[in-house]
Amino acid sequence: MLFGRNDGEDAEEFWKNREEDLGTPVLAKVLGRVIRENTSAPLWGLFYTTEKALYFQTFQSENWLSSMFSGRKKGSGRTKDETIEIPADMIEIFRIKPKKRGLLNLFRQPPVVELRWKSSVTGEVRDMVFEMEGDAEAFVSSIRRTGA
C-alpha cells in the first residue's frame, strides 16, 4: 500500500473515485510540500481544485527519513489520512511568491505558493506556504476566488 491507496489502483482510477466522492470534476492537481516553520519534518500531499474549492490531502505514512535524521522516536514522523477543504469564496490570497534574486537562482527551485483563507467554521484567518511540483501558474489560476 503506497500513499494510503491499494497497489492495484492507478492514478486515473484514484482521480475518478475522488471526483465521484466530490460530485464535481477536479480542475487541477499538483504534488506539494507544506513549508512549516515549527518543525523540520516536511508535510507532503496532493493539492487539487474544483470549481468551488481548494483541497489539500495527506495520506497515512511514516516519514522514516525525517525520523532517522532528527532522532525522534518511531511513530513521531507519522502523517495521517486527512483532507482540508477550503471554499473558494473564503480564499483571500492564492499566489506564487516571487523568487528571490541571488546566487540560488542558478539552481532550479520549485515554485512557492502563498495561501491565506478565512475558516468557514471559526472565522480564523489561516496561512499556508507550500512548494509544488508542476505548473504553478495553471494551478493557481484554476480556481476562481471572490475574496481576492
Protein backbone atom coordinates (compact mmCIF):
# COMPACT_ATOMS: atom_id res chain seq x y z
CA MET A 1 0.00 0.00 0.00
CA LEU A 2 1.50 3.33 -1.05
CA PHE A 3 0.10 6.75 -0.07
CA GLY A 4 -2.95 5.17 1.54
CA ARG A 5 -4.26 3.50 -1.60
CA ASN A 6 -4.28 -0.02 -2.95
CA ASP A 7 -1.29 -1.01 -5.06
CA GLY A 8 -3.70 -2.03 -7.85
CA GLU A 9 -5.31 1.43 -8.02
CA ASP A 10 -3.73 3.59 -10.70
CA ALA A 11 -3.72 7.38 -10.79
CA GLU A 12 -6.59 7.60 -13.28
CA GLU A 13 -8.80 5.42 -11.09
CA PHE A 14 -7.83 7.40 -7.96
CA TRP A 15 -8.89 10.71 -9.55
CA LYS A 16 -12.08 9.20 -10.96
CA ASN A 17 -13.01 7.99 -7.47
CA ARG A 18 -12.12 11.37 -5.97
CA GLU A 19 -14.37 13.19 -8.48
CA GLU A 20 -17.22 10.81 -7.66
CA ASP A 21 -16.75 11.49 -3.92
CA LEU A 22 -16.72 15.26 -4.51
CA GLY A 23 -19.55 15.22 -7.04
CA THR A 24 -17.63 17.58 -9.32
CA PRO A 25 -14.64 17.45 -11.69
CA VAL A 26 -11.11 18.07 -10.43
CA LEU A 27 -9.74 21.02 -12.44
CA ALA A 28 -6.05 20.91 -11.49
CA LYS A 29 -3.80 18.81 -9.29
CA VAL A 30 -0.21 19.01 -8.05
CA LEU A 31 2.06 17.34 -5.55
CA GLY A 32 3.19 19.78 -2.89
CA ARG A 33 5.21 20.14 0.28
CA VAL A 34 3.96 22.43 3.04
CA ILE A 35 6.70 24.61 4.49
CA ARG A 36 6.23 24.56 8.25
CA GLU A 37 8.29 26.81 10.49
CA ASN A 38 7.58 24.95 13.72
CA THR A 39 9.02 21.62 12.57
CA SER A 40 11.68 20.35 10.22
CA ALA A 41 9.53 17.44 9.03
CA PRO A 42 8.09 18.11 5.57
CA LEU A 43 4.37 17.59 5.05
CA TRP A 44 3.77 16.19 1.57
CA GLY A 45 0.36 15.85 -0.01
CA LEU A 46 -1.86 16.46 -3.01
CA PHE A 47 -3.31 19.86 -3.75
CA TYR A 48 -6.27 19.92 -6.12
CA THR A 49 -9.01 22.31 -7.13
CA THR A 50 -12.63 22.12 -8.17
CA GLU A 51 -14.89 24.91 -9.32
CA LYS A 52 -15.78 25.76 -5.73
CA ALA A 53 -12.89 24.68 -3.51
CA LEU A 54 -9.19 24.01 -2.99
CA TYR A 55 -8.20 20.76 -1.28
CA PHE A 56 -5.06 19.55 0.45
CA GLN A 57 -4.96 15.80 1.07
CA THR A 58 -2.34 13.90 3.05
CA PHE A 59 -2.02 10.13 3.31
CA GLN A 60 -1.04 7.91 6.19
CA SER A 61 2.67 7.20 6.04
CA GLU A 62 5.78 7.01 8.16
CA ASN A 63 8.35 9.66 7.36
CA TRP A 64 11.29 7.38 8.12
CA LEU A 65 13.85 9.77 6.66
CA SER A 66 12.85 12.62 8.97
CA SER A 67 12.71 10.26 11.95
CA MET A 68 16.19 8.94 11.18
CA PHE A 69 17.88 12.33 10.94
CA SER A 70 16.01 14.19 13.65
CA GLY A 71 16.42 11.50 16.30
CA ARG A 72 12.70 11.42 17.03
CA LYS A 73 11.02 8.25 18.26
CA LYS A 74 9.49 5.88 15.76
CA GLY A 75 5.93 6.93 15.03
CA SER A 76 6.53 10.64 15.62
CA GLY A 77 7.06 11.24 11.90
CA ARG A 78 3.71 9.69 11.00
CA THR A 79 1.16 11.52 8.93
CA LYS A 80 -2.47 10.57 8.66
CA ASP A 81 -5.17 10.49 6.04
CA GLU A 82 -6.59 13.99 6.16
CA THR A 83 -8.24 16.33 3.70
CA ILE A 84 -8.53 20.07 4.18
CA GLU A 85 -11.28 21.71 2.12
CA ILE A 86 -11.05 25.46 1.57
CA PRO A 87 -14.09 27.02 -0.13
CA ALA A 88 -13.02 29.30 -2.99
CA ASP A 89 -15.00 32.24 -1.59
CA MET A 90 -13.02 32.04 1.68
CA ILE A 91 -9.60 32.35 -0.03
CA GLU A 92 -8.07 35.78 0.46
CA ILE A 93 -4.61 35.19 -1.07
CA PHE A 94 -3.57 32.46 -3.51
CA ARG A 95 -0.46 33.44 -5.46
CA ILE A 96 3.01 32.40 -6.47
CA LYS A 97 5.62 34.13 -4.35
CA PRO A 98 8.23 36.00 -6.38
CA LYS A 99 11.62 34.30 -6.48
CA LYS A 100 14.37 35.99 -4.54
CA ARG A 101 17.27 37.35 -6.52
CA GLY A 102 20.69 36.00 -5.91
CA LEU A 103 23.04 33.10 -6.37
CA LEU A 104 20.36 30.49 -5.60
CA ASN A 105 18.56 31.38 -8.84
CA LEU A 106 21.22 29.38 -10.67
CA PHE A 107 19.56 26.23 -9.33
CA ARG A 108 16.05 25.17 -10.28
CA GLN A 109 13.81 25.80 -7.31
CA PRO A 110 10.19 24.66 -7.12
CA PRO A 111 7.56 27.39 -7.19
CA VAL A 112 6.42 28.59 -3.77
CA VAL A 113 2.73 29.38 -3.33
CA GLU A 114 1.27 31.59 -0.63
CA LEU A 115 -2.26 30.81 0.57
CA ARG A 116 -4.43 32.70 3.07
CA TRP A 117 -8.03 31.90 3.84
CA LYS A 118 -10.68 32.50 6.46
CA SER A 119 -12.03 29.41 8.18
CA SER A 120 -15.72 29.00 7.40
CA VAL A 121 -16.20 27.37 10.82
CA THR A 122 -14.26 29.62 13.23
CA GLY A 123 -13.70 32.75 11.13
CA GLU A 124 -9.99 32.49 11.97
CA VAL A 125 -7.53 33.59 9.26
CA ARG A 126 -5.14 30.79 8.35
CA ASP A 127 -1.96 30.80 6.28
CA MET A 128 -0.07 28.13 4.38
CA VAL A 129 3.06 28.29 2.24
CA PHE A 130 3.94 25.36 0.03
CA GLU A 131 6.30 24.28 -2.71
CA MET A 132 4.81 22.43 -5.63
CA GLU A 133 5.84 20.14 -8.40
CA GLY A 134 4.19 21.10 -11.67
CA ASP A 135 2.75 24.12 -13.44
CA ALA A 136 2.19 26.65 -10.65
CA GLU A 137 0.65 29.28 -12.93
CA ALA A 138 -2.01 26.89 -14.24
CA PHE A 139 -2.73 25.53 -10.77
CA VAL A 140 -3.15 28.93 -9.11
CA SER A 141 -5.35 30.22 -11.94
CA SER A 142 -7.54 27.07 -11.90
CA ILE A 143 -9.73 28.30 -9.05
CA ARG A 144 -11.98 31.35 -9.13
CA ARG A 145 -11.90 33.41 -5.97
CA THR A 146 -14.32 36.09 -4.94
CA GLY A 147 -12.24 37.13 -1.92
CA ALA A 148 -9.22 38.24 -3.97
